[in-house]
Each structure stands twice: as C-alpha cells, then as structure tokens.
Amino acid sequence: MKKKVLLLILVLVCIFITSCGKKEEKKELANDEVILENIKYKLDQDEEGYGIKYKIANNFRKTVLINAINYFSENINGSPYFVVRIYHYTDKDLEASIKWSVDDYDKREEVMVGDKKYTKIHFINYNKAETNLYFYGKGPKEYYVFVFTSSLDLSRLEDIFLKSVIY
C-alpha cells in the first residue's frame, strides 16, 4: 500500500513539475510587422507613388486624392484608427513645405531613420490625435512628407514604413 501511494505521489509530482515548466511561448514580431489594436500589419507589399518605392501591409486601405496618397487601418467600430499619408512637393523648400503642411506645431526635430535624415514635426490635431510629419528633401525644392496620425503610438509603424522607402 505504501508503495502504491508513494508511486502515485511520485507520478503526481512529475506531472506537476513538467506542467509548471511549460511556458506559453511569445511569438516575436518580424522586422516588418506591427500589431495595433490586436491587428497585425505586415509591411511586405511593394508599392510605388510619386516616384518612390515603399512597403505597405496588404490590410491597408488605399485612397488617392489629388495631392495625397492615403493608407488607412482596418476599421474598428466603423472607423479607421490610424492613417498614413504621403505628399510630394516639387516647388517648395523645407520651410515652405512645413508651412504648407501645418499651421502650428509643438515640436520640431531632426531625426535619423535608417540612414536617412528627416525633419520631424509633431502636433495634436483637431480630433486630439497625435500627428507626426516626416519631411525628406530629395532636392532643394523637392520634398516628400510622410504623415502618421492616430491616438495610438505609431512609432514602430513609422520606423518600419520609413526604412522601407527607396528614393
């Protein structure tokens, strides 16, 4: 009887030890992936616009206006929760491009993204959403502007997107 109880206890201890040792593996995101609002965006789709190449996610929704290319997130409760916009100015220097893009802002800085230097402008828009504009000069009067707007932290998306741009 003692042997059966001892054997039972030993089996239970082994089961307990092995089950406690198993931890749920956290999946690492690939370098081109971001998760926002529990939706994965994998920026691996080739796209072109305004003479540049870049990567987008297959679940971005694209619209093209006269002066901008827009990529919207998937909808949550009937509305997108972020947007990425691209503008291309061919007749403005940096200061004119900034003035044309935004009336007022709270922060301006020079940032490096990959091997490219951008002028980054930050402001909070009328919907209380964070807006970051990245200006890149290809020539003295040719500027690309990448605008990221959301109430979420889009820093990883911004980094992935901007590093994919080929001028």
C-alpha atoms as a PDB file:
ATOM      1  CA  MET A   1       0.000   0.000   0.000  1.00  0.00           C
ATOM      2  CA  LYS A   2       2.830   2.374   0.890  1.00  0.00           C
ATOM      3  CA  LYS A   3       4.485   1.626  -2.456  1.00  0.00           C
ATOM      4  CA  LYS A   4       1.286   2.469  -4.377  1.00  0.00           C
ATOM      5  CA  VAL A   5       0.821   5.759  -2.503  1.00  0.00           C
ATOM      6  CA  LEU A   6       4.492   6.628  -2.954  1.00  0.00           C
ATOM      7  CA  LEU A   7       4.288   5.755  -6.663  1.00  0.00           C
ATOM      8  CA  LEU A   8       1.123   7.865  -7.031  1.00  0.00           C
ATOM      9  CA  ILE A   9       2.755  10.828  -5.276  1.00  0.00           C
ATOM     10  CA  LEU A  10       5.849  10.456  -7.465  1.00  0.00           C
ATOM     11  CA  VAL A  11       3.730  10.429 -10.646  1.00  0.00           C
ATOM     12  CA  LEU A  12       1.784  13.486  -9.481  1.00  0.00           C
ATOM     13  CA  VAL A  13       4.997  15.362  -8.622  1.00  0.00           C
ATOM     14  CA  CYS A  14       6.420  14.533 -12.079  1.00  0.00           C
ATOM     15  CA  ILE A  15       3.247  15.781 -13.767  1.00  0.00           C
ATOM     16  CA  PHE A  16       3.268  18.925 -11.640  1.00  0.00           C
ATOM     17  CA  ILE A  17       6.933  19.663 -12.387  1.00  0.00           C
ATOM     18  CA  THR A  18       6.609  19.130 -16.137  1.00  0.00           C
ATOM     19  CA  SER A  19       3.402  21.151 -16.419  1.00  0.00           C
ATOM     20  CA  CYS A  20       4.854  24.050 -14.432  1.00  0.00           C
ATOM     21  CA  GLY A  21       7.935  24.055 -16.613  1.00  0.00           C
ATOM     22  CA  LYS A  22       5.935  24.709 -19.767  1.00  0.00           C
ATOM     23  CA  LYS A  23       5.521  28.369 -20.524  1.00  0.00           C
ATOM     24  CA  GLU A  24       3.489  29.804 -23.303  1.00  0.00           C
ATOM     25  CA  GLU A  25       5.879  30.960 -25.993  1.00  0.00           C
ATOM     26  CA  LYS A  26       5.524  34.577 -27.004  1.00  0.00           C
ATOM     27  CA  LYS A  27       5.782  34.979 -30.721  1.00  0.00           C
ATOM     28  CA  GLU A  28       8.326  37.567 -31.746  1.00  0.00           C
ATOM     29  CA  LEU A  29       7.297  40.015 -34.415  1.00  0.00           C
ATOM     30  CA  ALA A  30       9.238  40.038 -37.652  1.00  0.00           C
ATOM     31  CA  ASN A  31      11.123  43.229 -38.529  1.00  0.00           C
ATOM     32  CA  ASP A  32       8.335  44.246 -40.905  1.00  0.00           C
ATOM     33  CA  GLU A  33       5.391  43.593 -38.571  1.00  0.00           C
ATOM     34  CA  VAL A  34       3.473  45.688 -36.085  1.00  0.00           C
ATOM     35  CA  ILE A  35       0.388  44.880 -34.040  1.00  0.00           C
ATOM     36  CA  LEU A  36      -2.051  47.711 -33.395  1.00  0.00           C
ATOM     37  CA  GLU A  37      -5.414  47.166 -31.709  1.00  0.00           C
ATOM     38  CA  ASN A  38      -4.784  43.394 -31.911  1.00  0.00           C
ATOM     39  CA  ILE A  39      -4.490  43.564 -35.703  1.00  0.00           C
ATOM     40  CA  LYS A  40      -1.239  42.544 -37.349  1.00  0.00           C
ATOM     41  CA  TYR A  41       0.118  44.690 -40.162  1.00  0.00           C
ATOM     42  CA  LYS A  42       2.985  43.148 -42.136  1.00  0.00           C
ATOM     43  CA  LEU A  43       4.602  45.743 -44.350  1.00  0.00           C
ATOM     44  CA  ASP A  44       5.799  43.411 -47.098  1.00  0.00           C
ATOM     45  CA  GLN A  45       3.801  44.527 -50.144  1.00  0.00           C
ATOM     46  CA  ASP A  46       5.637  46.568 -52.787  1.00  0.00           C
ATOM     47  CA  GLU A  47       4.039  49.897 -53.582  1.00  0.00           C
ATOM     48  CA  GLU A  48       5.007  52.943 -55.656  1.00  0.00           C
ATOM     49  CA  GLY A  49       3.866  56.520 -55.675  1.00  0.00           C
ATOM     50  CA  TYR A  50       5.291  59.940 -56.503  1.00  0.00           C
ATOM     51  CA  GLY A  51       8.427  58.317 -57.947  1.00  0.00           C
ATOM     52  CA  ILE A  52       9.391  56.415 -54.788  1.00  0.00           C
ATOM     53  CA  LYS A  53       9.041  52.797 -53.711  1.00  0.00           C
ATOM     54  CA  TYR A  54       7.972  51.613 -50.262  1.00  0.00           C
ATOM     55  CA  LYS A  55       6.283  48.750 -48.434  1.00  0.00           C
ATOM     56  CA  ILE A  56       2.708  48.584 -47.202  1.00  0.00           C
ATOM     57  CA  ALA A  57       0.585  45.942 -45.495  1.00  0.00           C
ATOM     58  CA  ASN A  58      -1.988  44.023 -47.501  1.00  0.00           C
ATOM     59  CA  ASN A  59      -4.652  45.080 -44.997  1.00  0.00           C
ATOM     60  CA  PHE A  60      -4.048  48.815 -45.509  1.00  0.00           C
ATOM     61  CA  ARG A  61      -6.883  50.501 -47.380  1.00  0.00           C
ATOM     62  CA  LYS A  62      -5.609  52.897 -50.047  1.00  0.00           C
ATOM     63  CA  THR A  63      -7.214  56.068 -51.368  1.00  0.00           C
ATOM     64  CA  VAL A  64      -5.621  58.541 -53.739  1.00  0.00           C
ATOM     65  CA  LEU A  65      -6.535  62.203 -53.724  1.00  0.00           C
ATOM     66  CA  ILE A  66      -5.249  64.951 -55.978  1.00  0.00           C
ATOM     67  CA  ASN A  67      -2.456  65.859 -53.577  1.00  0.00           C
ATOM     68  CA  ALA A  68      -2.002  62.796 -51.322  1.00  0.00           C
ATOM     69  CA  ILE A  69      -1.828  59.029 -51.165  1.00  0.00           C
ATOM     70  CA  ASN A  70      -3.594  57.714 -48.055  1.00  0.00           C
ATOM     71  CA  TYR A  71      -3.350  54.337 -46.328  1.00  0.00           C
ATOM     72  CA  PHE A  72      -5.963  53.657 -43.672  1.00  0.00           C
ATOM     73  CA  SER A  73      -6.011  50.982 -40.984  1.00  0.00           C
ATOM     74  CA  GLU A  74      -8.700  48.370 -40.809  1.00  0.00           C
ATOM     75  CA  ASN A  75     -11.920  49.726 -39.332  1.00  0.00           C
ATOM     76  CA  ILE A  76     -12.839  49.319 -35.691  1.00  0.00           C
ATOM     77  CA  ASN A  77     -16.418  50.274 -34.856  1.00  0.00           C
ATOM     78  CA  GLY A  78     -16.844  51.568 -38.385  1.00  0.00           C
ATOM     79  CA  SER A  79     -13.815  53.890 -38.445  1.00  0.00           C
ATOM     80  CA  PRO A  80     -10.097  53.628 -39.125  1.00  0.00           C
ATOM     81  CA  TYR A  81      -7.884  54.259 -36.122  1.00  0.00           C
ATOM     82  CA  PHE A  82      -4.785  55.409 -37.989  1.00  0.00           C
ATOM     83  CA  VAL A  83      -3.853  56.849 -41.341  1.00  0.00           C
ATOM     84  CA  VAL A  84      -0.562  57.203 -43.203  1.00  0.00           C
ATOM     85  CA  ARG A  85      -0.402  59.939 -45.835  1.00  0.00           C
ATOM     86  CA  ILE A  86       2.218  60.749 -48.431  1.00  0.00           C
ATOM     87  CA  TYR A  87       2.636  64.172 -50.033  1.00  0.00           C
ATOM     88  CA  HIS A  88       5.157  65.240 -52.649  1.00  0.00           C
ATOM     89  CA  TYR A  89       6.089  68.889 -53.125  1.00  0.00           C
ATOM     90  CA  THR A  90       8.148  69.797 -56.184  1.00  0.00           C
ATOM     91  CA  ASP A  91       8.151  73.568 -55.836  1.00  0.00           C
ATOM     92  CA  LYS A  92       8.850  74.220 -52.152  1.00  0.00           C
ATOM     93  CA  ASP A  93      11.909  74.277 -49.919  1.00  0.00           C
ATOM     94  CA  LEU A  94      11.741  72.768 -46.418  1.00  0.00           C
ATOM     95  CA  GLU A  95      10.304  75.822 -44.672  1.00  0.00           C
ATOM     96  CA  ALA A  96       7.658  76.344 -47.347  1.00  0.00           C
ATOM     97  CA  SER A  97       6.789  72.613 -47.244  1.00  0.00           C
ATOM     98  CA  ILE A  98       6.313  72.770 -43.474  1.00  0.00           C
ATOM     99  CA  LYS A  99       4.244  75.958 -43.713  1.00  0.00           C
ATOM    100  CA  TRP A 100       2.109  74.420 -46.483  1.00  0.00           C
ATOM    101  CA  SER A 101       1.543  71.243 -44.418  1.00  0.00           C
ATOM    102  CA  VAL A 102       0.785  72.552 -40.941  1.00  0.00           C
ATOM    103  CA  ASP A 103      -0.201  75.883 -39.391  1.00  0.00           C
ATOM    104  CA  ASP A 104       1.014  75.269 -35.859  1.00  0.00           C
ATOM    105  CA  TYR A 105       3.054  72.551 -34.162  1.00  0.00           C
ATOM    106  CA  ASP A 106       4.502  71.844 -30.739  1.00  0.00           C
ATOM    107  CA  LYS A 107       7.766  70.096 -31.604  1.00  0.00           C
ATOM    108  CA  ARG A 108      10.346  70.119 -34.376  1.00  0.00           C
ATOM    109  CA  GLU A 109      13.486  67.993 -34.511  1.00  0.00           C
ATOM    110  CA  GLU A 110      15.941  66.343 -36.871  1.00  0.00           C
ATOM    111  CA  VAL A 111      15.815  62.527 -36.675  1.00  0.00           C
ATOM    112  CA  MET A 112      17.639  59.688 -38.355  1.00  0.00           C
ATOM    113  CA  VAL A 113      15.559  56.770 -39.587  1.00  0.00           C
ATOM    114  CA  GLY A 114      17.836  54.126 -41.002  1.00  0.00           C
ATOM    115  CA  ASP A 115      20.409  56.101 -42.972  1.00  0.00           C
ATOM    116  CA  LYS A 116      18.068  58.999 -43.860  1.00  0.00           C
ATOM    117  CA  LYS A 117      17.765  62.321 -42.036  1.00  0.00           C
ATOM    118  CA  TYR A 118      14.227  63.673 -41.646  1.00  0.00           C
ATOM    119  CA  THR A 119      12.789  66.830 -40.181  1.00  0.00           C
ATOM    120  CA  LYS A 120      10.072  65.623 -37.827  1.00  0.00           C
ATOM    121  CA  ILE A 121       7.161  67.855 -36.861  1.00  0.00           C
ATOM    122  CA  HIS A 122       4.664  66.888 -34.161  1.00  0.00           C
ATOM    123  CA  PHE A 123       1.262  68.318 -33.318  1.00  0.00           C
ATOM    124  CA  ILE A 124      -2.078  67.177 -31.943  1.00  0.00           C
ATOM    125  CA  ASN A 125      -4.881  67.548 -34.476  1.00  0.00           C
ATOM    126  CA  TYR A 126      -8.482  68.684 -34.015  1.00  0.00           C
ATOM    127  CA  ASN A 127      -9.538  65.105 -33.105  1.00  0.00           C
ATOM    128  CA  LYS A 128      -6.937  65.017 -30.320  1.00  0.00           C
ATOM    129  CA  ALA A 129      -4.862  62.527 -32.349  1.00  0.00           C
ATOM    130  CA  GLU A 130      -1.068  62.573 -32.372  1.00  0.00           C
ATOM    131  CA  THR A 131       0.319  63.590 -35.753  1.00  0.00           C
ATOM    132  CA  ASN A 132       3.918  63.159 -36.854  1.00  0.00           C
ATOM    133  CA  LEU A 133       5.134  64.583 -40.159  1.00  0.00           C
ATOM    134  CA  TYR A 134       8.472  63.473 -41.580  1.00  0.00           C
ATOM    135  CA  PHE A 135       9.989  65.737 -44.256  1.00  0.00           C
ATOM    136  CA  TYR A 136      12.683  64.386 -46.555  1.00  0.00           C
ATOM    137  CA  GLY A 137      14.391  66.558 -49.148  1.00  0.00           C
ATOM    138  CA  LYS A 138      15.344  64.901 -52.398  1.00  0.00           C
ATOM    139  CA  GLY A 139      16.411  68.225 -53.878  1.00  0.00           C
ATOM    140  CA  PRO A 140      16.444  71.909 -52.924  1.00  0.00           C
ATOM    141  CA  LYS A 141      12.750  72.323 -53.797  1.00  0.00           C
ATOM    142  CA  GLU A 142      11.559  68.711 -53.750  1.00  0.00           C
ATOM    143  CA  TYR A 143      10.212  67.319 -50.508  1.00  0.00           C
ATOM    144  CA  TYR A 144       8.386  64.164 -49.536  1.00  0.00           C
ATOM    145  CA  VAL A 145       6.155  64.360 -46.480  1.00  0.00           C
ATOM    146  CA  PHE A 146       5.017  61.258 -44.596  1.00  0.00           C
ATOM    147  CA  VAL A 147       2.192  61.887 -42.147  1.00  0.00           C
ATOM    148  CA  PHE A 148       1.202  59.408 -39.427  1.00  0.00           C
ATOM    149  CA  THR A 149      -1.975  60.206 -37.491  1.00  0.00           C
ATOM    150  CA  SER A 150      -3.542  58.221 -34.645  1.00  0.00           C
ATOM    151  CA  SER A 151      -4.363  58.302 -30.964  1.00  0.00           C
ATOM    152  CA  LEU A 152      -2.110  55.206 -30.671  1.00  0.00           C
ATOM    153  CA  ASP A 153       1.671  55.040 -30.517  1.00  0.00           C
ATOM    154  CA  LEU A 154       2.679  54.501 -34.156  1.00  0.00           C
ATOM    155  CA  SER A 155       6.438  54.727 -33.591  1.00  0.00           C
ATOM    156  CA  ARG A 156       7.123  51.138 -34.698  1.00  0.00           C
ATOM    157  CA  LEU A 157       4.919  51.534 -37.786  1.00  0.00           C
ATOM    158  CA  GLU A 158       6.634  54.836 -38.601  1.00  0.00           C
ATOM    159  CA  ASP A 159      10.075  53.251 -38.316  1.00  0.00           C
ATOM    160  CA  ILE A 160       9.198  50.197 -40.440  1.00  0.00           C
ATOM    161  CA  PHE A 161       7.467  52.287 -43.101  1.00  0.00           C
ATOM    162  CA  LEU A 162      10.162  54.958 -43.396  1.00  0.00           C
ATOM    163  CA  LYS A 163      13.012  52.426 -43.507  1.00  0.00           C
ATOM    164  CA  SER A 164      11.305  50.771 -46.497  1.00  0.00           C
ATOM    165  CA  VAL A 165      11.236  53.939 -48.628  1.00  0.00           C
ATOM    166  CA  ILE A 166      13.526  53.938 -51.656  1.00  0.00           C
ATOM    167  CA  TYR A 167      14.005  57.386 -53.194  1.00  0.00           C
END
